Amino acid sequence: MSPEAEIVEVFALAEGRYVLHARAGLDEPIDSITLPNLSFSASAIFAR
């Protein structure tokens, strides 16, 4: 997560290494690999 840039990065463990799964800006959705029905806007993380 980069609070200054208001970007969230989601990493997933694959073959013993963490790889970037998703990168989202404020108005972009974040989807969970572990919880398939979990999706929310990255803006929900940052206080305004």
C-alpha atoms as a PDB file:
ATOM      1  CA  MET A   1       0.000   0.000   0.000  1.00  0.00           C
ATOM      2  CA  SER A   2       1.235   3.463  -0.834  1.00  0.00           C
ATOM      3  CA  PRO A   3      -0.719   6.059   1.157  1.00  0.00           C
ATOM      4  CA  GLU A   4       0.946   8.975  -0.614  1.00  0.00           C
ATOM      5  CA  ALA A   5       0.085   7.669  -4.083  1.00  0.00           C
ATOM      6  CA  GLU A   6      -3.241   6.192  -2.879  1.00  0.00           C
ATOM      7  CA  ILE A   7      -2.451   2.843  -4.503  1.00  0.00           C
ATOM      8  CA  VAL A   8      -3.115  -0.615  -3.087  1.00  0.00           C
ATOM      9  CA  GLU A   9      -1.148  -3.648  -4.226  1.00  0.00           C
ATOM     10  CA  VAL A  10      -2.372  -7.179  -3.530  1.00  0.00           C
ATOM     11  CA  PHE A  11       0.163 -10.003  -3.503  1.00  0.00           C
ATOM     12  CA  ALA A  12      -0.471 -13.739  -3.702  1.00  0.00           C
ATOM     13  CA  LEU A  13       1.765 -16.644  -2.746  1.00  0.00           C
ATOM     14  CA  ALA A  14       2.607 -18.739  -5.809  1.00  0.00           C
ATOM     15  CA  GLU A  15       5.248 -21.467  -5.869  1.00  0.00           C
ATOM     16  CA  GLY A  16       6.814 -20.202  -2.647  1.00  0.00           C
ATOM     17  CA  ARG A  17       7.085 -16.572  -3.788  1.00  0.00           C
ATOM     18  CA  TYR A  18       4.840 -13.560  -3.500  1.00  0.00           C
ATOM     19  CA  VAL A  19       3.689 -12.220  -6.854  1.00  0.00           C
ATOM     20  CA  LEU A  20       1.659  -9.134  -7.631  1.00  0.00           C
ATOM     21  CA  HIS A  21      -1.976 -10.115  -8.097  1.00  0.00           C
ATOM     22  CA  ALA A  22      -3.523  -6.661  -8.461  1.00  0.00           C
ATOM     23  CA  ARG A  23      -2.719  -2.984  -8.271  1.00  0.00           C
ATOM     24  CA  ALA A  24      -5.581  -0.536  -7.759  1.00  0.00           C
ATOM     25  CA  GLY A  25      -5.969   3.213  -7.600  1.00  0.00           C
ATOM     26  CA  LEU A  26      -8.739   5.019  -5.742  1.00  0.00           C
ATOM     27  CA  ASP A  27     -11.665   4.291  -8.050  1.00  0.00           C
ATOM     28  CA  GLU A  28     -10.579   0.794  -9.044  1.00  0.00           C
ATOM     29  CA  PRO A  29     -11.873  -2.443  -7.501  1.00  0.00           C
ATOM     30  CA  ILE A  30      -9.785  -4.781  -5.377  1.00  0.00           C
ATOM     31  CA  ASP A  31     -10.682  -8.470  -5.617  1.00  0.00           C
ATOM     32  CA  SER A  32      -9.568 -11.149  -3.165  1.00  0.00           C
ATOM     33  CA  ILE A  33      -8.075 -14.435  -4.338  1.00  0.00           C
ATOM     34  CA  THR A  34      -8.861 -16.141  -1.029  1.00  0.00           C
ATOM     35  CA  LEU A  35     -12.401 -14.797  -0.642  1.00  0.00           C
ATOM     36  CA  PRO A  36     -13.988 -14.892  -4.111  1.00  0.00           C
ATOM     37  CA  ASN A  37     -16.997 -12.754  -3.158  1.00  0.00           C
ATOM     38  CA  LEU A  38     -14.898  -9.996  -1.589  1.00  0.00           C
ATOM     39  CA  SER A  39     -14.510  -6.939  -3.794  1.00  0.00           C
ATOM     40  CA  PHE A  40     -14.353  -3.278  -2.830  1.00  0.00           C
ATOM     41  CA  SER A  41     -13.053   0.027  -4.093  1.00  0.00           C
ATOM     42  CA  ALA A  42      -9.528   0.958  -3.094  1.00  0.00           C
ATOM     43  CA  SER A  43     -10.895   4.302  -1.878  1.00  0.00           C
ATOM     44  CA  ALA A  44     -12.501   2.443   1.070  1.00  0.00           C
ATOM     45  CA  ILE A  45      -9.029   2.029   2.576  1.00  0.00           C
ATOM     46  CA  PHE A  46      -8.007   5.676   2.522  1.00  0.00           C
ATOM     47  CA  ALA A  47      -9.519   8.190   4.942  1.00  0.00           C
ATOM     48  CA  ARG A  48     -10.717  11.418   3.411  1.00  0.00           C
END
